[in-house]
Amino acid sequence: MSQGVRTRPEGSGQPLSEAYDTALLDLDGVVYAGGSAIAHAVDSLAVARSGGMRLAYVTNNALRTPDTVAAHLTELGIPTGADDVITSAQAVARLISEQVPAGARVLVIGGDGLRAALRERGLEPVESADDDPAAVVQGYGGPDLPWGRFAEASYAVRRGVPWFASNTDLTIPSGRGIAPGNGAAVEVVRIATGAEPQVAGKPLPPMHRETIIRTGAERPLVVGDRLDTDIEGAFNGGVDSLLVLTGVTDGAQLLAAPPHHRPTYVDADLRGLLTGQPEVTGDGDGFRCGGWTATAGADRLELTGDGEALDGLRALCAAAWTAAGEGSCALDGGKALARLGL
């Protein structure tokens, strides 16, 4: 990753699938949504893989086991083995195993993914605060997780049992829209207990460490749809990132991104792995990409020219991020984004 504050998306003369040895791909909002493959994902990943890029799937969703995730991806037409899947359940299980005795009991508030990850680390999942757990772990348990599970976690945490969370994403994409994520469930226990969990998932270091341990990546590229998990996680890990606009992040959020949320590259979807990235040129008098020129006015971002919408967005990012410096851009970019259809 470039040193200093990023003020524009970078260009690449090579296809990203050739410039990096491993793609660390988020799943929800990047590869699939609501269980169905996102447009262009299957074909793009097949081409990247055939060209020699390793594909690893890194998800904050702790509900499913790596075997289940791999089987789902394979059904979608993306051949995947369990070793290609890294979950926040695995990251939090390693974190717990470093702080409790071997074979310790862990109260699980979540799904099969958490239980499998704990067993992999030699820990024993239990279901009740009365089972003498050495730790409590909370992960996404799906939309039907009973309310009583949060009470069980609260009983144990109030007794002083160390509390861990796989991740704190407040939302999760679904086929019907944006649903509450594990972070919303963590808030329930936080409010009930006043305690703070140790968190393993993106964007925090335990997840990046787990990913590098399991993949051995030397030149990784993080690919994601969320600024506050995927892109911030890449920033914290000191690696480059590609934001795709198939999930939760929209143009306005991207323009307002503070330095730790600014991706190295921006593209519409996973086809961006297969191409070079256009360079943004210029300075405070105007930033150019493709046929567009973006400037920062007194109270809003201005855009002139014509061409591909993504080039206009990249130029706007340069104007917004430069104007914001180490902060978050507060200039109105609505009219410029509307012109791009974003």
Protein backbone atom coordinates (compact mmCIF):
# COMPACT_ATOMS: atom_id res chain seq x y z
CA MET A 1 0.00 0.00 0.00
CA SER A 2 1.20 3.48 -0.77
CA GLN A 3 2.50 5.45 2.19
CA GLY A 4 0.75 8.56 3.43
CA VAL A 5 -2.86 9.66 2.99
CA ARG A 6 -4.50 8.29 -0.16
CA THR A 7 -5.89 11.16 -2.22
CA ARG A 8 -7.07 9.26 -5.30
CA PRO A 9 -7.71 5.74 -6.57
CA GLU A 10 -4.54 4.31 -8.08
CA GLY A 11 -4.03 3.16 -11.63
CA SER A 12 -2.59 -0.18 -12.72
CA GLY A 13 -0.98 -0.96 -16.05
CA GLN A 14 -1.52 -4.69 -15.42
CA PRO A 15 -4.74 -6.58 -14.84
CA LEU A 16 -5.14 -6.84 -11.08
CA SER A 17 -5.26 -10.63 -11.39
CA GLU A 18 -1.66 -10.48 -12.64
CA ALA A 19 -0.40 -7.75 -10.32
CA TYR A 20 -1.39 -9.68 -7.15
CA ASP A 21 -0.90 -13.36 -6.27
CA THR A 22 -4.03 -13.82 -4.14
CA ALA A 23 -7.46 -12.25 -4.09
CA LEU A 24 -8.90 -12.14 -0.56
CA LEU A 25 -12.57 -11.94 -1.51
CA ASP A 26 -15.44 -10.99 0.73
CA LEU A 27 -18.57 -13.05 0.00
CA ASP A 28 -21.81 -11.24 0.91
CA GLY A 29 -22.23 -8.36 -1.52
CA VAL A 30 -19.18 -9.31 -3.61
CA VAL A 31 -19.57 -12.90 -4.83
CA TYR A 32 -23.21 -13.50 -3.92
CA ALA A 33 -26.23 -11.84 -2.33
CA GLY A 34 -29.01 -13.80 -0.72
CA GLY A 35 -27.38 -17.04 -1.88
CA SER A 36 -27.39 -16.16 -5.59
CA ALA A 37 -24.27 -15.23 -7.53
CA ILE A 38 -23.83 -11.56 -8.31
CA ALA A 39 -23.69 -10.69 -12.01
CA HIS A 40 -20.29 -11.39 -13.65
CA ALA A 41 -18.86 -12.97 -10.49
CA VAL A 42 -18.66 -16.59 -11.67
CA ASP A 43 -17.08 -15.85 -15.05
CA SER A 44 -14.68 -13.22 -13.69
CA LEU A 45 -13.39 -15.50 -10.94
CA ALA A 46 -12.94 -18.37 -13.40
CA VAL A 47 -10.77 -16.20 -15.67
CA ALA A 48 -8.72 -14.87 -12.74
CA ARG A 49 -8.13 -18.39 -11.43
CA SER A 50 -7.17 -19.76 -14.85
CA GLY A 51 -4.57 -16.99 -15.13
CA GLY A 52 -2.85 -18.17 -11.94
CA MET A 53 -4.42 -15.97 -9.26
CA ARG A 54 -5.29 -17.80 -6.05
CA LEU A 55 -8.82 -17.13 -4.82
CA ALA A 56 -9.53 -17.12 -1.09
CA TYR A 57 -12.91 -16.26 0.37
CA VAL A 58 -12.78 -14.22 3.57
CA THR A 59 -16.04 -13.61 5.35
CA ASN A 60 -17.15 -12.02 8.59
CA ASN A 61 -20.23 -14.25 8.51
CA ALA A 62 -19.58 -16.89 11.17
CA LEU A 63 -22.80 -18.85 10.59
CA ARG A 64 -21.64 -21.48 8.11
CA THR A 65 -18.65 -23.82 8.16
CA PRO A 66 -15.92 -23.55 5.49
CA ASP A 67 -17.15 -26.88 4.05
CA THR A 68 -20.67 -25.50 3.68
CA VAL A 69 -19.46 -22.24 2.14
CA ALA A 70 -17.21 -24.13 -0.28
CA ALA A 71 -20.06 -26.40 -1.32
CA HIS A 72 -22.31 -23.39 -1.92
CA LEU A 73 -19.69 -21.65 -4.06
CA THR A 74 -19.10 -24.84 -6.03
CA GLU A 75 -22.85 -25.11 -6.69
CA LEU A 76 -22.78 -21.55 -8.02
CA GLY A 77 -20.11 -22.60 -10.52
CA ILE A 78 -17.05 -21.45 -8.53
CA PRO A 79 -15.00 -24.58 -7.70
CA THR A 80 -13.88 -24.11 -4.09
CA GLY A 81 -12.37 -26.25 -1.35
CA ALA A 82 -12.82 -25.75 2.38
CA ASP A 83 -9.18 -24.62 2.64
CA ASP A 84 -10.05 -21.67 0.37
CA VAL A 85 -12.54 -20.27 2.91
CA ILE A 86 -11.51 -18.20 5.93
CA THR A 87 -14.20 -17.10 8.38
CA SER A 88 -14.38 -14.80 11.37
CA ALA A 89 -15.37 -17.89 13.35
CA GLN A 90 -11.89 -19.32 12.72
CA ALA A 91 -10.26 -16.02 13.67
CA VAL A 92 -12.17 -15.69 16.93
CA ALA A 93 -11.61 -19.35 17.81
CA ARG A 94 -7.85 -18.87 17.51
CA LEU A 95 -8.09 -15.69 19.62
CA ILE A 96 -9.99 -17.55 22.35
CA SER A 97 -7.62 -20.54 22.26
CA GLU A 98 -4.72 -18.23 23.05
CA GLN A 99 -6.41 -17.05 26.26
CA VAL A 100 -8.09 -20.11 27.79
CA PRO A 101 -6.78 -23.59 28.69
CA ALA A 102 -6.76 -26.37 26.11
CA GLY A 103 -10.08 -28.20 26.06
CA ALA A 104 -11.90 -25.34 27.80
CA ARG A 105 -15.67 -24.95 27.48
CA VAL A 106 -16.96 -22.02 25.43
CA LEU A 107 -20.56 -20.80 25.48
CA VAL A 108 -21.68 -20.41 21.85
CA ILE A 109 -24.22 -17.82 20.75
CA GLY A 110 -24.35 -18.50 17.03
CA GLY A 111 -24.33 -21.28 14.47
CA ASP A 112 -22.46 -24.32 13.25
CA GLY A 113 -19.57 -22.28 11.88
CA LEU A 114 -18.60 -21.17 15.39
CA ARG A 115 -18.90 -24.66 16.85
CA ALA A 116 -16.75 -26.21 14.12
CA ALA A 117 -14.08 -23.53 14.49
CA LEU A 118 -13.91 -24.01 18.26
CA ARG A 119 -13.53 -27.77 17.90
CA GLU A 120 -10.75 -27.22 15.35
CA ARG A 121 -8.85 -25.36 18.09
CA GLY A 122 -9.52 -28.08 20.67
CA LEU A 123 -12.25 -26.22 22.57
CA GLU A 124 -15.63 -27.59 23.70
CA PRO A 125 -18.78 -25.71 22.65
CA VAL A 126 -21.53 -25.53 25.29
CA GLU A 127 -25.01 -24.05 25.30
CA SER A 128 -25.65 -22.69 28.80
CA ALA A 129 -24.12 -20.12 31.12
CA ASP A 130 -24.47 -22.83 33.79
CA ASP A 131 -22.05 -25.16 31.93
CA ASP A 132 -19.06 -23.42 33.57
CA PRO A 133 -17.72 -21.82 30.35
CA ALA A 134 -14.28 -20.23 30.26
CA ALA A 135 -15.43 -17.84 27.52
CA VAL A 136 -18.52 -16.63 25.66
CA VAL A 137 -18.41 -16.26 21.89
CA GLN A 138 -21.04 -14.54 19.80
CA GLY A 139 -21.38 -14.81 16.02
CA TYR A 140 -24.10 -14.39 13.41
CA GLY A 141 -26.69 -17.09 14.01
CA GLY A 142 -29.11 -16.39 11.18
CA PRO A 143 -32.47 -14.61 11.25
CA ASP A 144 -34.09 -17.26 13.46
CA LEU A 145 -31.65 -17.17 16.39
CA PRO A 146 -33.86 -17.27 19.53
CA TRP A 147 -33.91 -14.19 21.74
CA GLY A 148 -33.12 -16.37 24.72
CA ARG A 149 -29.59 -16.95 23.40
CA PHE A 150 -28.79 -13.28 24.06
CA ALA A 151 -30.02 -13.70 27.62
CA GLU A 152 -27.75 -16.74 28.03
CA ALA A 153 -24.76 -14.71 26.90
CA SER A 154 -25.72 -11.89 29.26
CA TYR A 155 -25.92 -14.21 32.26
CA ALA A 156 -22.37 -15.47 31.63
CA VAL A 157 -20.86 -12.09 30.83
CA ARG A 158 -22.37 -10.57 33.99
CA ARG A 159 -20.67 -13.34 35.96
CA GLY A 160 -17.34 -12.14 34.62
CA VAL A 161 -16.81 -14.70 31.84
CA PRO A 162 -14.63 -13.23 29.04
CA TRP A 163 -16.74 -12.25 26.04
CA PHE A 164 -15.66 -12.56 22.40
CA ALA A 165 -17.41 -11.64 19.14
CA SER A 166 -16.64 -12.95 15.69
CA ASN A 167 -17.40 -9.54 14.19
CA THR A 168 -19.49 -6.43 14.73
CA ASP A 169 -21.00 -5.77 11.27
CA LEU A 170 -24.27 -4.01 12.04
CA THR A 171 -25.86 -5.18 8.78
CA ILE A 172 -25.67 -8.08 6.34
CA PRO A 173 -26.89 -8.13 2.70
CA SER A 174 -29.72 -10.52 1.86
CA GLY A 175 -31.76 -11.33 -1.21
CA ARG A 176 -34.51 -9.03 0.09
CA GLY A 177 -32.31 -6.12 1.16
CA ILE A 178 -30.12 -5.18 4.11
CA ALA A 179 -30.76 -7.14 7.32
CA PRO A 180 -29.40 -6.80 10.89
CA GLY A 181 -25.97 -8.39 11.27
CA ASN A 182 -24.02 -9.80 14.19
CA GLY A 183 -23.07 -6.32 15.37
CA ALA A 184 -26.72 -5.58 16.06
CA ALA A 185 -26.93 -8.74 18.18
CA VAL A 186 -23.71 -7.83 20.00
CA GLU A 187 -25.29 -4.50 20.90
CA VAL A 188 -28.11 -6.34 22.68
CA VAL A 189 -25.64 -8.06 25.01
CA ARG A 190 -23.55 -4.90 25.38
CA ILE A 191 -26.62 -2.93 26.51
CA ALA A 192 -27.66 -5.68 28.92
CA THR A 193 -24.22 -6.06 30.51
CA GLY A 194 -22.25 -2.86 29.98
CA ALA A 195 -19.33 -5.06 28.89
CA GLU A 196 -17.16 -4.87 25.77
CA PRO A 197 -16.23 -7.97 23.74
CA GLN A 198 -12.91 -8.80 22.16
CA VAL A 199 -13.60 -8.77 18.43
CA ALA A 200 -11.74 -10.86 15.83
CA GLY A 201 -13.33 -10.14 12.45
CA LYS A 202 -12.62 -7.56 9.80
CA PRO A 203 -11.35 -4.86 10.05
CA LEU A 204 -9.32 -5.96 13.07
CA PRO A 205 -5.87 -7.60 13.04
CA PRO A 206 -6.91 -11.11 14.20
CA MET A 207 -8.85 -11.64 10.96
CA HIS A 208 -6.00 -10.44 8.75
CA ARG A 209 -3.57 -12.65 10.67
CA GLU A 210 -5.86 -15.68 10.22
CA THR A 211 -6.13 -15.00 6.51
CA ILE A 212 -2.38 -14.75 5.94
CA ILE A 213 -1.69 -17.85 8.09
CA ARG A 214 -4.17 -19.92 6.07
CA THR A 215 -3.36 -18.62 2.56
CA GLY A 216 0.36 -17.82 2.71
CA ALA A 217 -0.37 -14.84 0.43
CA GLU A 218 2.65 -12.65 -0.38
CA ARG A 219 0.98 -10.03 -2.61
CA PRO A 220 -2.68 -10.10 -1.53
CA LEU A 221 -5.46 -7.89 -2.83
CA VAL A 222 -8.49 -7.47 -0.57
CA VAL A 223 -11.72 -7.34 -2.57
CA GLY A 224 -14.83 -6.13 -0.79
CA ASP A 225 -17.97 -4.04 -0.80
CA ARG A 226 -17.78 -2.49 2.67
CA LEU A 227 -15.59 0.45 3.65
CA ASP A 228 -15.76 -0.20 7.40
CA THR A 229 -14.74 -3.88 7.24
CA ASP A 230 -13.09 -4.90 3.97
CA ILE A 231 -11.33 -1.66 3.09
CA GLU A 232 -10.45 -0.69 6.65
CA GLY A 233 -9.18 -4.23 7.20
CA ALA A 234 -6.87 -3.90 4.19
CA PHE A 235 -5.68 -0.53 5.50
CA ASN A 236 -4.95 -2.00 8.93
CA GLY A 237 -3.11 -4.91 7.33
CA GLY A 238 -1.05 -2.67 5.07
CA VAL A 239 -2.28 -4.29 1.84
CA ASP A 240 -4.05 -3.00 -1.27
CA SER A 241 -7.79 -3.19 -1.85
CA LEU A 242 -10.43 -3.18 -4.56
CA LEU A 243 -13.90 -1.84 -3.73
CA VAL A 244 -16.72 -3.24 -5.86
CA LEU A 245 -20.05 -1.44 -5.97
CA THR A 246 -22.24 -4.54 -5.79
CA GLY A 247 -22.95 -4.42 -2.06
CA VAL A 248 -23.62 -1.85 0.62
CA THR A 249 -21.31 1.03 -0.36
CA ASP A 250 -22.68 3.74 -2.64
CA GLY A 251 -21.01 6.66 -4.37
CA ALA A 252 -21.79 9.21 -1.67
CA GLN A 253 -20.24 7.04 1.05
CA LEU A 254 -17.15 6.50 -1.07
CA LEU A 255 -16.63 10.23 -1.66
CA ALA A 256 -16.96 10.91 2.09
CA ALA A 257 -14.51 8.15 3.05
CA PRO A 258 -11.82 9.10 5.60
CA PRO A 259 -8.27 7.85 4.88
CA HIS A 260 -8.69 4.40 6.49
CA HIS A 261 -11.76 3.75 4.32
CA ARG A 262 -10.27 4.75 0.95
CA PRO A 263 -9.70 1.78 -1.38
CA THR A 264 -6.70 1.45 -3.68
CA TYR A 265 -8.96 0.71 -6.65
CA VAL A 266 -12.67 1.14 -7.45
CA ASP A 267 -14.72 -0.85 -9.94
CA ALA A 268 -18.29 -1.79 -10.63
CA ASP A 269 -17.99 -5.54 -9.98
CA LEU A 270 -15.54 -8.45 -10.10
CA ARG A 271 -14.73 -7.82 -13.76
CA GLY A 272 -12.38 -5.23 -12.28
CA LEU A 273 -10.00 -8.06 -11.38
CA LEU A 274 -9.41 -8.78 -15.05
CA THR A 275 -8.40 -5.33 -16.22
CA GLY A 276 -5.91 -2.62 -15.52
CA GLN A 277 -7.14 0.41 -13.65
CA PRO A 278 -7.22 3.88 -15.26
CA GLU A 279 -4.98 6.55 -13.79
CA VAL A 280 -6.40 9.71 -12.25
CA THR A 281 -4.29 12.73 -13.15
CA GLY A 282 -4.31 16.38 -12.14
CA ASP A 283 -4.14 18.44 -8.98
CA GLY A 284 -6.24 20.94 -7.04
CA ASP A 285 -7.21 22.70 -10.27
CA GLY A 286 -8.97 19.59 -11.55
CA PHE A 287 -8.69 15.81 -11.50
CA ARG A 288 -9.10 13.90 -14.75
CA CYS A 289 -10.00 10.30 -15.50
CA GLY A 290 -11.22 9.18 -18.90
CA GLY A 291 -13.28 12.02 -20.33
CA TRP A 292 -14.20 13.53 -16.98
CA THR A 293 -12.78 16.39 -14.88
CA ALA A 294 -13.73 16.79 -11.22
CA THR A 295 -13.11 19.83 -9.01
CA ALA A 296 -13.93 20.77 -5.42
CA GLY A 297 -15.90 23.98 -5.17
CA ALA A 298 -16.76 26.04 -2.13
CA ASP A 299 -19.61 23.78 -1.04
CA ARG A 300 -19.94 21.00 -3.59
CA LEU A 301 -18.09 18.77 -6.01
CA GLU A 302 -18.27 19.70 -9.68
CA LEU A 303 -18.01 17.33 -12.65
CA THR A 304 -17.57 18.20 -16.33
CA GLY A 305 -16.99 16.12 -19.43
CA ASP A 306 -18.34 12.77 -20.54
CA GLY A 307 -17.41 9.11 -20.63
CA GLU A 308 -17.64 5.97 -18.50
CA ALA A 309 -19.44 6.52 -15.19
CA LEU A 310 -16.73 4.73 -13.18
CA ASP A 311 -14.08 7.09 -14.56
CA GLY A 312 -16.17 10.03 -13.39
CA LEU A 313 -16.47 8.47 -9.94
CA ARG A 314 -12.71 7.95 -9.75
CA ALA A 315 -12.13 11.60 -10.66
CA LEU A 316 -14.66 12.69 -8.02
CA CYS A 317 -12.89 10.55 -5.42
CA ALA A 318 -9.64 12.37 -6.15
CA ALA A 319 -11.30 15.78 -5.78
CA ALA A 320 -13.15 14.79 -2.59
CA TRP A 321 -10.27 12.98 -0.89
CA THR A 322 -7.79 15.74 -1.70
CA ALA A 323 -10.15 18.39 -0.33
CA ALA A 324 -10.76 16.34 2.82
CA GLY A 325 -7.12 15.53 3.52
CA GLU A 326 -7.02 13.45 6.70
CA GLY A 327 -10.74 13.97 7.35
CA SER A 328 -14.03 13.09 5.70
CA CYS A 329 -15.25 15.14 2.74
CA ALA A 330 -18.36 17.15 3.59
CA LEU A 331 -18.82 18.69 0.12
CA ASP A 332 -22.10 17.91 -1.64
CA GLY A 333 -21.51 15.43 -4.43
CA GLY A 334 -25.14 14.60 -5.09
CA LYS A 335 -25.53 16.47 -8.38
CA ALA A 336 -22.28 15.07 -9.78
CA LEU A 337 -23.19 11.52 -8.78
CA ALA A 338 -26.66 11.89 -10.27
CA ARG A 339 -25.07 12.84 -13.58
CA LEU A 340 -23.16 9.54 -13.45
CA GLY A 341 -26.28 7.58 -12.54
CA LEU A 342 -24.68 6.59 -9.20
